[in-house]
Amino acid sequence: MRVSERGQVTIPKTLRDKFGMNHNVEVEFEPTEHGLLLKKSAAVSHPLERVFGIFEGIDSTDEFIEAIRGR
């Protein structure tokens, strides 16, 4: 694998599939004593993970609206 003139590399499809590196996945590089470690960014989550459990304890539409507004 080569680094392009613009600093880009292509991750082989088999590795992208195995590790869930689909398009728009945020990644980060971590320096190690052996080189660079490429990993998915911990700050990024699946969109459903952001709303998982939002209905827990909600009994009315008003409570739901307040919950999705983050109040």
PDB file of N, CA and C in Angstrom:
ATOM      1  N   MET A   1       0.849  -1.162   0.000  1.00  0.00           N
ATOM      2  CA  MET A   1       0.000   0.000   0.000  1.00  0.00           C
ATOM      3  C   MET A   1       0.900   1.231   0.000  1.00  0.00           C
ATOM      4  N   ARG A   2       0.512   2.219  -0.754  1.00  0.00           N
ATOM      5  CA  ARG A   2       1.283   3.461  -0.826  1.00  0.00           C
ATOM      6  C   ARG A   2       0.449   4.634  -0.344  1.00  0.00           C
ATOM      7  N   VAL A   3       1.140   5.610   0.187  1.00  0.00           N
ATOM      8  CA  VAL A   3       0.499   6.872   0.547  1.00  0.00           C
ATOM      9  C   VAL A   3       0.554   7.758  -0.688  1.00  0.00           C
ATOM     10  N   SER A   4      -0.601   8.300  -1.073  1.00  0.00           N
ATOM     11  CA  SER A   4      -0.650   9.143  -2.270  1.00  0.00           C
ATOM     12  C   SER A   4       0.002  10.482  -1.995  1.00  0.00           C
ATOM     13  N   GLU A   5       0.171  11.261  -3.040  1.00  0.00           N
ATOM     14  CA  GLU A   5       0.753  12.599  -2.939  1.00  0.00           C
ATOM     15  C   GLU A   5      -0.050  13.480  -1.984  1.00  0.00           C
ATOM     16  N   ARG A   6      -1.356  13.213  -1.888  1.00  0.00           N
ATOM     17  CA  ARG A   6      -2.232  13.999  -1.009  1.00  0.00           C
ATOM     18  C   ARG A   6      -2.361  13.370   0.382  1.00  0.00           C
ATOM     19  N   GLY A   7      -1.575  12.346   0.684  1.00  0.00           N
ATOM     20  CA  GLY A   7      -1.603  11.725   2.006  1.00  0.00           C
ATOM     21  C   GLY A   7      -2.706  10.706   2.189  1.00  0.00           C
ATOM     22  N   GLN A   8      -3.243  10.177   1.103  1.00  0.00           N
ATOM     23  CA  GLN A   8      -4.348   9.234   1.179  1.00  0.00           C
ATOM     24  C   GLN A   8      -3.866   7.804   1.001  1.00  0.00           C
ATOM     25  N   VAL A   9      -4.588   6.884   1.668  1.00  0.00           N
ATOM     26  CA  VAL A   9      -4.365   5.449   1.465  1.00  0.00           C
ATOM     27  C   VAL A   9      -5.723   4.800   1.251  1.00  0.00           C
ATOM     28  N   THR A  10      -5.725   3.659   0.603  1.00  0.00           N
ATOM     29  CA  THR A  10      -6.958   2.909   0.399  1.00  0.00           C
ATOM     30  C   THR A  10      -6.939   1.702   1.307  1.00  0.00           C
ATOM     31  N   ILE A  11      -7.961   1.603   2.165  1.00  0.00           N
ATOM     32  CA  ILE A  11      -8.088   0.443   3.040  1.00  0.00           C
ATOM     33  C   ILE A  11      -8.756  -0.661   2.222  1.00  0.00           C
ATOM     34  N   PRO A  12      -8.146  -1.837   2.134  1.00  0.00           N
ATOM     35  CA  PRO A  12      -8.739  -2.916   1.338  1.00  0.00           C
ATOM     36  C   PRO A  12     -10.161  -3.247   1.801  1.00  0.00           C
ATOM     37  N   LYS A  13     -11.024  -3.585   0.844  1.00  0.00           N
ATOM     38  CA  LYS A  13     -12.436  -3.847   1.127  1.00  0.00           C
ATOM     39  C   LYS A  13     -12.621  -4.939   2.176  1.00  0.00           C
ATOM     40  N   THR A  14     -11.815  -5.985   2.126  1.00  0.00           N
ATOM     41  CA  THR A  14     -11.970  -7.065   3.110  1.00  0.00           C
ATOM     42  C   THR A  14     -11.773  -6.544   4.531  1.00  0.00           C
ATOM     43  N   LEU A  15     -10.816  -5.639   4.716  1.00  0.00           N
ATOM     44  CA  LEU A  15     -10.582  -5.064   6.043  1.00  0.00           C
ATOM     45  C   LEU A  15     -11.672  -4.061   6.426  1.00  0.00           C
ATOM     46  N   ARG A  16     -12.134  -3.274   5.448  1.00  0.00           N
ATOM     47  CA  ARG A  16     -13.233  -2.333   5.736  1.00  0.00           C
ATOM     48  C   ARG A  16     -14.473  -3.086   6.177  1.00  0.00           C
ATOM     49  N   ASP A  17     -14.789  -4.187   5.492  1.00  0.00           N
ATOM     50  CA  ASP A  17     -15.958  -4.990   5.849  1.00  0.00           C
ATOM     51  C   ASP A  17     -15.782  -5.638   7.218  1.00  0.00           C
ATOM     52  N   LYS A  18     -14.615  -6.190   7.462  1.00  0.00           N
ATOM     53  CA  LYS A  18     -14.361  -6.896   8.723  1.00  0.00           C
ATOM     54  C   LYS A  18     -14.473  -5.970   9.933  1.00  0.00           C
ATOM     55  N   PHE A  19     -14.009  -4.726   9.800  1.00  0.00           N
ATOM     56  CA  PHE A  19     -13.965  -3.807  10.930  1.00  0.00           C
ATOM     57  C   PHE A  19     -15.033  -2.713  10.875  1.00  0.00           C
ATOM     58  N   GLY A  20     -15.979  -2.830   9.922  1.00  0.00           N
ATOM     59  CA  GLY A  20     -17.081  -1.864   9.848  1.00  0.00           C
ATOM     60  C   GLY A  20     -16.650  -0.466   9.480  1.00  0.00           C
ATOM     61  N   MET A  21     -15.658  -0.358   8.628  1.00  0.00           N
ATOM     62  CA  MET A  21     -15.165   0.947   8.187  1.00  0.00           C
ATOM     63  C   MET A  21     -15.885   1.353   6.904  1.00  0.00           C
ATOM     64  N   ASN A  22     -17.186   1.630   7.035  1.00  0.00           N
ATOM     65  CA  ASN A  22     -17.981   2.034   5.893  1.00  0.00           C
ATOM     66  C   ASN A  22     -17.755   3.517   5.611  1.00  0.00           C
ATOM     67  N   HIS A  23     -18.359   4.010   4.543  1.00  0.00           N
ATOM     68  CA  HIS A  23     -18.178   5.424   4.208  1.00  0.00           C
ATOM     69  C   HIS A  23     -18.689   6.301   5.352  1.00  0.00           C
ATOM     70  N   ASN A  24     -18.095   7.437   5.498  1.00  0.00           N
ATOM     71  CA  ASN A  24     -18.422   8.436   6.526  1.00  0.00           C
ATOM     72  C   ASN A  24     -18.105   8.009   7.952  1.00  0.00           C
ATOM     73  N   VAL A  25     -17.335   6.949   8.140  1.00  0.00           N
ATOM     74  CA  VAL A  25     -16.910   6.558   9.481  1.00  0.00           C
ATOM     75  C   VAL A  25     -15.738   7.450   9.875  1.00  0.00           C
ATOM     76  N   GLU A  26     -15.836   8.067  11.041  1.00  0.00           N
ATOM     77  CA  GLU A  26     -14.749   8.905  11.539  1.00  0.00           C
ATOM     78  C   GLU A  26     -13.667   8.000  12.125  1.00  0.00           C
ATOM     79  N   VAL A  27     -12.429   8.280  11.795  1.00  0.00           N
ATOM     80  CA  VAL A  27     -11.307   7.506  12.310  1.00  0.00           C
ATOM     81  C   VAL A  27     -10.297   8.447  12.951  1.00  0.00           C
ATOM     82  N   GLU A  28      -9.439   7.868  13.757  1.00  0.00           N
ATOM     83  CA  GLU A  28      -8.351   8.650  14.343  1.00  0.00           C
ATOM     84  C   GLU A  28      -7.073   7.829  14.265  1.00  0.00           C
ATOM     85  N   PHE A  29      -5.968   8.530  14.206  1.00  0.00           N
ATOM     86  CA  PHE A  29      -4.656   7.901  14.192  1.00  0.00           C
ATOM     87  C   PHE A  29      -4.024   8.080  15.562  1.00  0.00           C
ATOM     88  N   GLU A  30      -3.468   6.997  16.079  1.00  0.00           N
ATOM     89  CA  GLU A  30      -2.807   7.045  17.379  1.00  0.00           C
ATOM     90  C   GLU A  30      -1.358   6.612  17.199  1.00  0.00           C
ATOM     91  N   PRO A  31      -0.419   7.488  17.531  1.00  0.00           N
ATOM     92  CA  PRO A  31       0.990   7.108  17.412  1.00  0.00           C
ATOM     93  C   PRO A  31       1.340   6.020  18.438  1.00  0.00           C
ATOM     94  N   THR A  32       2.068   5.016  18.002  1.00  0.00           N
ATOM     95  CA  THR A  32       2.551   3.958  18.895  1.00  0.00           C
ATOM     96  C   THR A  32       4.046   3.824  18.688  1.00  0.00           C
ATOM     97  N   GLU A  33       4.680   2.988  19.478  1.00  0.00           N
ATOM     98  CA  GLU A  33       6.124   2.798  19.302  1.00  0.00           C
ATOM     99  C   GLU A  33       6.448   2.068  18.009  1.00  0.00           C
ATOM    100  N   HIS A  34       5.440   1.434  17.398  1.00  0.00           N
ATOM    101  CA  HIS A  34       5.657   0.680  16.162  1.00  0.00           C
ATOM    102  C   HIS A  34       5.169   1.412  14.915  1.00  0.00           C
ATOM    103  N   GLY A  35       4.525   2.561  15.072  1.00  0.00           N
ATOM    104  CA  GLY A  35       3.995   3.294  13.927  1.00  0.00           C
ATOM    105  C   GLY A  35       2.693   3.972  14.270  1.00  0.00           C
ATOM    106  N   LEU A  36       1.746   3.949  13.344  1.00  0.00           N
ATOM    107  CA  LEU A  36       0.447   4.570  13.552  1.00  0.00           C
ATOM    108  C   LEU A  36      -0.629   3.500  13.675  1.00  0.00           C
ATOM    109  N   LEU A  37      -1.542   3.696  14.617  1.00  0.00           N
ATOM    110  CA  LEU A  37      -2.687   2.809  14.789  1.00  0.00           C
ATOM    111  C   LEU A  37      -3.911   3.552  14.285  1.00  0.00           C
ATOM    112  N   LEU A  38      -4.612   2.971  13.326  1.00  0.00           N
ATOM    113  CA  LEU A  38      -5.841   3.546  12.785  1.00  0.00           C
ATOM    114  C   LEU A  38      -7.010   2.882  13.493  1.00  0.00           C
ATOM    115  N   LYS A  39      -7.917   3.697  14.066  1.00  0.00           N
ATOM    116  CA  LYS A  39      -9.081   3.124  14.731  1.00  0.00           C
ATOM    117  C   LYS A  39     -10.274   4.035  14.571  1.00  0.00           C
ATOM    118  N   LYS A  40     -11.463   3.433  14.740  1.00  0.00           N
ATOM    119  CA  LYS A  40     -12.682   4.231  14.680  1.00  0.00           C
ATOM    120  C   LYS A  40     -12.662   5.223  15.826  1.00  0.00           C
ATOM    121  N   SER A  41     -13.161   6.403  15.551  1.00  0.00           N
ATOM    122  CA  SER A  41     -13.215   7.428  16.575  1.00  0.00           C
ATOM    123  C   SER A  41     -14.231   7.026  17.640  1.00  0.00           C
ATOM    124  N   ALA A  42     -13.847   7.121  18.900  1.00  0.00           N
ATOM    125  CA  ALA A  42     -14.737   6.754  20.003  1.00  0.00           C
ATOM    126  C   ALA A  42     -15.864   7.764  20.163  1.00  0.00           C
ATOM    127  N   ALA A  43     -15.666   8.980  19.714  1.00  0.00           N
ATOM    128  CA  ALA A  43     -16.673  10.029  19.895  1.00  0.00           C
ATOM    129  C   ALA A  43     -17.857   9.858  18.959  1.00  0.00           C
ATOM    130  N   VAL A  44     -17.677   9.110  17.887  1.00  0.00           N
ATOM    131  CA  VAL A  44     -18.747   8.959  16.910  1.00  0.00           C
ATOM    132  C   VAL A  44     -19.530   7.690  17.208  1.00  0.00           C
ATOM    133  N   SER A  45     -20.841   7.801  17.181  1.00  0.00           N
ATOM    134  CA  SER A  45     -21.692   6.648  17.418  1.00  0.00           C
ATOM    135  C   SER A  45     -22.716   6.532  16.300  1.00  0.00           C
ATOM    136  N   HIS A  46     -23.354   5.393  16.249  1.00  0.00           N
ATOM    137  CA  HIS A  46     -24.419   5.173  15.289  1.00  0.00           C
ATOM    138  C   HIS A  46     -25.576   6.110  15.658  1.00  0.00           C
ATOM    139  N   PRO A  47     -26.271   6.678  14.681  1.00  0.00           N
ATOM    140  CA  PRO A  47     -27.351   7.615  14.987  1.00  0.00           C
ATOM    141  C   PRO A  47     -28.401   7.047  15.944  1.00  0.00           C
ATOM    142  N   LEU A  48     -28.676   5.746  15.865  1.00  0.00           N
ATOM    143  CA  LEU A  48     -29.669   5.153  16.765  1.00  0.00           C
ATOM    144  C   LEU A  48     -29.176   5.104  18.203  1.00  0.00           C
ATOM    145  N   GLU A  49     -27.850   5.027  18.399  1.00  0.00           N
ATOM    146  CA  GLU A  49     -27.329   5.001  19.759  1.00  0.00           C
ATOM    147  C   GLU A  49     -27.592   6.313  20.487  1.00  0.00           C
ATOM    148  N   ARG A  50     -27.723   7.408  19.734  1.00  0.00           N
ATOM    149  CA  ARG A  50     -27.976   8.703  20.358  1.00  0.00           C
ATOM    150  C   ARG A  50     -29.386   8.818  20.918  1.00  0.00           C
ATOM    151  N   VAL A  51     -30.329   8.018  20.389  1.00  0.00           N
ATOM    152  CA  VAL A  51     -31.707   8.104  20.865  1.00  0.00           C
ATOM    153  C   VAL A  51     -32.161   6.832  21.577  1.00  0.00           C
ATOM    154  N   PHE A  52     -31.281   5.849  21.696  1.00  0.00           N
ATOM    155  CA  PHE A  52     -31.646   4.599  22.353  1.00  0.00           C
ATOM    156  C   PHE A  52     -32.098   4.871  23.789  1.00  0.00           C
ATOM    157  N   GLY A  53     -33.252   4.349  24.147  1.00  0.00           N
ATOM    158  CA  GLY A  53     -33.762   4.499  25.497  1.00  0.00           C
ATOM    159  C   GLY A  53     -34.494   5.803  25.751  1.00  0.00           C
ATOM    160  N   ILE A  54     -34.725   6.598  24.723  1.00  0.00           N
ATOM    161  CA  ILE A  54     -35.340   7.908  24.917  1.00  0.00           C
ATOM    162  C   ILE A  54     -36.782   7.796  25.408  1.00  0.00           C
ATOM    163  N   PHE A  55     -37.464   6.675  25.109  1.00  0.00           N
ATOM    164  CA  PHE A  55     -38.851   6.512  25.534  1.00  0.00           C
ATOM    165  C   PHE A  55     -38.979   5.950  26.941  1.00  0.00           C
ATOM    166  N   GLU A  56     -37.876   5.566  27.523  1.00  0.00           N
ATOM    167  CA  GLU A  56     -37.912   4.971  28.853  1.00  0.00           C
ATOM    168  C   GLU A  56     -38.442   5.981  29.872  1.00  0.00           C
ATOM    169  N   GLY A  57     -39.521   5.625  30.549  1.00  0.00           N
ATOM    170  CA  GLY A  57     -40.093   6.484  31.580  1.00  0.00           C
ATOM    171  C   GLY A  57     -40.961   7.612  31.050  1.00  0.00           C
ATOM    172  N   ILE A  58     -41.271   7.616  29.758  1.00  0.00           N
ATOM    173  CA  ILE A  58     -42.089   8.680  29.174  1.00  0.00           C
ATOM    174  C   ILE A  58     -43.519   8.177  29.043  1.00  0.00           C
ATOM    175  N   ASP A  59     -44.452   8.919  29.634  1.00  0.00           N
ATOM    176  CA  ASP A  59     -45.846   8.487  29.654  1.00  0.00           C
ATOM    177  C   ASP A  59     -46.764   9.350  28.803  1.00  0.00           C
ATOM    178  N   SER A  60     -46.288  10.488  28.323  1.00  0.00           N
ATOM    179  CA  SER A  60     -47.171  11.366  27.544  1.00  0.00           C
ATOM    180  C   SER A  60     -46.408  11.985  26.381  1.00  0.00           C
ATOM    181  N   THR A  61     -47.167  12.539  25.449  1.00  0.00           N
ATOM    182  CA  THR A  61     -46.577  13.215  24.295  1.00  0.00           C
ATOM    183  C   THR A  61     -45.762  14.418  24.737  1.00  0.00           C
ATOM    184  N   ASP A  62     -46.254  15.146  25.736  1.00  0.00           N
ATOM    185  CA  ASP A  62     -45.521  16.316  26.232  1.00  0.00           C
ATOM    186  C   ASP A  62     -44.161  15.909  26.792  1.00  0.00           C
ATOM    187  N   GLU A  63     -44.113  14.796  27.538  1.00  0.00           N
ATOM    188  CA  GLU A  63     -42.838  14.310  28.076  1.00  0.00           C
ATOM    189  C   GLU A  63     -41.906  13.898  26.955  1.00  0.00           C
ATOM    190  N   PHE A  64     -42.466  13.285  25.887  1.00  0.00           N
ATOM    191  CA  PHE A  64     -41.659  12.889  24.742  1.00  0.00           C
ATOM    192  C   PHE A  64     -41.040  14.110  24.075  1.00  0.00           C
ATOM    193  N   ILE A  65     -41.832  15.135  23.849  1.00  0.00           N
ATOM    194  CA  ILE A  65     -41.327  16.356  23.196  1.00  0.00           C
ATOM    195  C   ILE A  65     -40.224  16.987  24.031  1.00  0.00           C
ATOM    196  N   GLU A  66     -40.412  17.045  25.327  1.00  0.00           N
ATOM    197  CA  GLU A  66     -39.379  17.596  26.206  1.00  0.00           C
ATOM    198  C   GLU A  66     -38.111  16.748  26.133  1.00  0.00           C
ATOM    199  N   ALA A  67     -38.272  15.436  26.064  1.00  0.00           N
ATOM    200  CA  ALA A  67     -37.104  14.536  26.020  1.00  0.00           C
ATOM    201  C   ALA A  67     -36.306  14.716  24.737  1.00  0.00           C
ATOM    202  N   ILE A  68     -36.986  14.824  23.591  1.00  0.00           N
ATOM    203  CA  ILE A  68     -36.241  14.956  22.340  1.00  0.00           C
ATOM    204  C   ILE A  68     -35.635  16.342  22.175  1.00  0.00           C
ATOM    205  N   ARG A  69     -36.157  17.312  22.898  1.00  0.00           N
ATOM    206  CA  ARG A  69     -35.562  18.646  22.881  1.00  0.00           C
ATOM    207  C   ARG A  69     -34.399  18.750  23.857  1.00  0.00           C
ATOM    208  N   GLY A  70     -34.215  17.697  24.653  1.00  0.00           N
ATOM    209  CA  GLY A  70     -33.079  17.668  25.550  1.00  0.00           C
ATOM    210  C   GLY A  70     -33.276  18.464  26.832  1.00  0.00           C
ATOM    211  N   ARG A  71     -34.486  18.663  27.228  1.00  0.00           N
ATOM    212  CA  ARG A  71     -34.746  19.435  28.448  1.00  0.00           C
ATOM    213  C   ARG A  71     -34.940  18.549  29.632  1.00  0.00           C
TER     214      ARG A  71
END
